[in-house]
Every structure is written in structure tokens, then in C-alpha cells.
Amino acid sequence: MDRIITVAIFGLFLIGPAIAGTPREFVFTDKSPEQKVAIDWDDQTRIAVSPPCRPGDKKSCEALKRLKKSSMKAIESERKSSTANPGALICLKIGGKVVIGRDAEMNQNAFCRFSDESLIDCGTLIWFGRNK
């Protein structure tokens, strides 16, 4: 029994990182026809973006260029009078459009879309904007 538990735990350490870095496909219906986009999560940078964005290259897309402008302090007044997702408020503040993506399990997630069609997860905007 102990051996089975040890093998199972060891297996999780091997499989876990592979799952975390695997792109998840989201369907966006704000455009016609609907769009399917594989959102990539980078464990090292804690950034979830659409291709062709490259988290190591902050100039690769509009989403990463605007990420440095994300700030929780910039939305303090809006947060006091709203129950909106703080990531969505940051998105609007930095010039993006909030869109909702749905994955294969029907889970919904808020993303910020920019003029070059790049997408960044609203949770990423909160994470990077929390100390600014």
C-alpha cells in the first residue's frame, strides 16, 4: 500500500508541471464566427496570454506591452462603487476590451483583448497590478 502511494505521489510531480504549462483552448463568441484560441500559461512569469505573445518578450504583442500599466491603485475609485471583476476594470483602464472565453468543460474566464487581437487573462492583470 505504501508503495502505491509513493508511486502515485511521484507520478503527480512528473505530470503536474506538464499539465500546468499545457495551453487551454477557449472559445470566444464576441466575434463572428466564434474564435478558438489556445491560451498559454507560463509558470515562471505567471502570465496567461494568447499566441503569438511570448512572455519573455514584452514587445511581442499589445497585451504584454500594456501589462506593465496594470494597477490596482488606478482603479480604487471604481472598486468602491462597483462589484465588477478588478481585472476587468484594469483591462478597461489600460485600453482593452473585456471578453469571456469558455473552455471545453464550459468554464468561463475573463480576458482582456487589445487592438492587435492579443488576449491576456484578467487574473494576470490583477496579479501584476496588485503592488502598483
Protein backbone atom coordinates (compact mmCIF):
# COMPACT_ATOMS: atom_id res chain seq x y z
CA MET A 1 0.00 0.00 0.00
CA ASP A 2 2.81 2.43 0.90
CA ARG A 3 4.49 1.66 -2.40
CA ILE A 4 1.31 2.54 -4.33
CA ILE A 5 1.01 5.85 -2.51
CA THR A 6 4.70 6.63 -3.15
CA VAL A 7 4.31 5.86 -6.88
CA ALA A 8 1.15 7.98 -7.08
CA ILE A 9 2.81 10.98 -5.40
CA PHE A 10 5.91 10.63 -7.59
CA GLY A 11 3.65 10.49 -10.66
CA LEU A 12 1.95 13.74 -9.68
CA PHE A 13 5.32 15.50 -9.50
CA LEU A 14 6.07 14.33 -13.03
CA ILE A 15 2.65 15.03 -14.53
CA GLY A 16 1.78 18.23 -12.62
CA PRO A 17 4.21 20.58 -14.41
CA ALA A 18 3.16 19.20 -17.79
CA ILE A 19 -0.49 19.99 -17.06
CA ALA A 20 0.28 23.48 -15.73
CA GLY A 21 2.15 24.52 -18.89
CA THR A 22 -0.34 22.99 -21.33
CA PRO A 23 -2.31 25.55 -23.36
CA ARG A 24 -6.07 25.51 -22.74
CA GLU A 25 -8.37 26.22 -25.63
CA PHE A 26 -11.08 28.83 -25.09
CA VAL A 27 -13.97 29.71 -27.37
CA PHE A 28 -14.83 33.40 -27.77
CA THR A 29 -18.23 34.32 -29.18
CA ASP A 30 -17.85 38.11 -29.19
CA LYS A 31 -16.89 37.92 -32.89
CA SER A 32 -18.50 36.14 -35.79
CA PRO A 33 -17.56 33.43 -36.48
CA GLU A 34 -16.63 32.35 -32.98
CA GLN A 35 -12.91 32.12 -32.26
CA LYS A 36 -10.96 29.25 -30.70
CA VAL A 37 -7.76 30.38 -29.02
CA ALA A 38 -5.21 28.31 -27.11
CA ILE A 39 -4.25 30.35 -24.05
CA ASP A 40 -0.78 29.52 -22.77
CA TRP A 41 0.07 29.72 -19.07
CA ASP A 42 3.73 30.41 -18.29
CA ASP A 43 4.58 29.15 -14.78
CA GLN A 44 7.76 31.21 -14.47
CA THR A 45 6.25 34.58 -15.34
CA ARG A 46 2.70 33.84 -14.09
CA ILE A 47 1.32 35.19 -17.36
CA ALA A 48 -1.59 33.67 -19.33
CA VAL A 49 -1.67 35.00 -22.90
CA SER A 50 -2.67 34.07 -26.42
CA PRO A 51 -0.24 33.30 -29.22
CA PRO A 52 1.80 34.93 -30.71
CA CYS A 53 2.61 36.64 -27.40
CA ARG A 54 5.84 35.45 -25.80
CA PRO A 55 6.05 36.20 -22.04
CA GLY A 56 9.84 36.61 -22.18
CA ASP A 57 9.44 39.27 -24.89
CA LYS A 58 7.34 42.15 -23.55
CA LYS A 59 7.24 43.72 -27.05
CA SER A 60 5.74 40.67 -28.80
CA CYS A 61 2.11 41.82 -28.51
CA GLU A 62 -0.09 44.64 -27.24
CA ALA A 63 -1.27 42.58 -24.23
CA LEU A 64 2.27 42.31 -22.85
CA LYS A 65 3.07 45.94 -23.61
CA ARG A 66 0.01 47.04 -21.62
CA LEU A 67 0.63 44.58 -18.76
CA LYS A 68 3.17 46.94 -17.20
CA LYS A 69 0.40 49.56 -16.92
CA SER A 70 -1.86 47.32 -14.84
CA SER A 71 -2.50 48.84 -11.43
CA MET A 72 -4.94 48.18 -8.61
CA LYS A 73 -4.40 51.72 -7.31
CA ALA A 74 -5.57 53.14 -10.65
CA ILE A 75 -8.99 51.52 -10.16
CA GLU A 76 -9.53 52.24 -6.45
CA SER A 77 -12.38 54.71 -7.02
CA GLU A 78 -14.19 52.34 -9.40
CA ARG A 79 -13.82 49.42 -6.98
CA LYS A 80 -15.53 51.34 -4.17
CA SER A 81 -18.72 51.75 -6.20
CA SER A 82 -18.67 48.52 -8.22
CA THR A 83 -18.74 44.76 -7.77
CA ALA A 84 -17.03 44.24 -11.13
CA ASN A 85 -14.05 41.94 -11.54
CA PRO A 86 -10.96 44.06 -10.70
CA GLY A 87 -9.14 42.51 -13.67
CA ALA A 88 -11.93 43.70 -15.95
CA LEU A 89 -11.67 47.22 -14.51
CA ILE A 90 -7.90 47.20 -15.08
CA CYS A 91 -8.47 45.95 -18.63
CA LEU A 92 -10.74 48.89 -19.45
CA LYS A 93 -8.34 51.32 -17.77
CA ILE A 94 -5.40 50.20 -19.94
CA GLY A 95 -7.36 50.33 -23.20
CA GLY A 96 -8.55 46.77 -23.66
CA LYS A 97 -11.95 45.18 -24.15
CA VAL A 98 -13.23 42.56 -21.69
CA VAL A 99 -14.25 39.31 -23.39
CA ILE A 100 -15.36 36.00 -21.94
CA GLY A 101 -13.83 32.70 -23.04
CA ARG A 102 -15.39 29.28 -22.46
CA ASP A 103 -13.29 26.11 -22.23
CA ALA A 104 -14.26 22.53 -23.12
CA GLU A 105 -15.72 21.95 -19.63
CA MET A 106 -17.94 25.08 -20.07
CA ASN A 107 -15.91 27.06 -17.52
CA GLN A 108 -15.86 30.80 -18.25
CA ASN A 109 -12.90 33.10 -17.81
CA ALA A 110 -12.48 36.85 -18.35
CA PHE A 111 -9.79 38.04 -20.76
CA CYS A 112 -8.65 41.41 -21.98
CA ARG A 113 -8.49 41.81 -25.80
CA PHE A 114 -6.38 44.50 -27.47
CA SER A 115 -6.35 46.08 -30.93
CA ASP A 116 -3.85 43.53 -32.26
CA GLU A 117 -6.27 40.74 -31.14
CA SER A 118 -3.89 39.57 -28.39
CA LEU A 119 -5.55 38.29 -25.21
CA ILE A 120 -4.39 38.28 -21.61
CA ASP A 121 -6.13 36.71 -18.64
CA CYS A 122 -7.78 39.29 -16.33
CA GLY A 123 -6.36 37.37 -13.35
CA THR A 124 -2.89 38.07 -14.73
CA LEU A 125 -3.72 41.79 -14.77
CA ILE A 126 -4.74 41.60 -11.10
CA TRP A 127 -1.59 39.66 -10.17
CA PHE A 128 0.71 42.19 -11.82
CA GLY A 129 -1.29 45.21 -10.72
CA ARG A 130 -1.58 44.35 -7.03
CA ASN A 131 1.50 46.32 -5.90
CA LYS A 132 1.08 49.27 -8.24
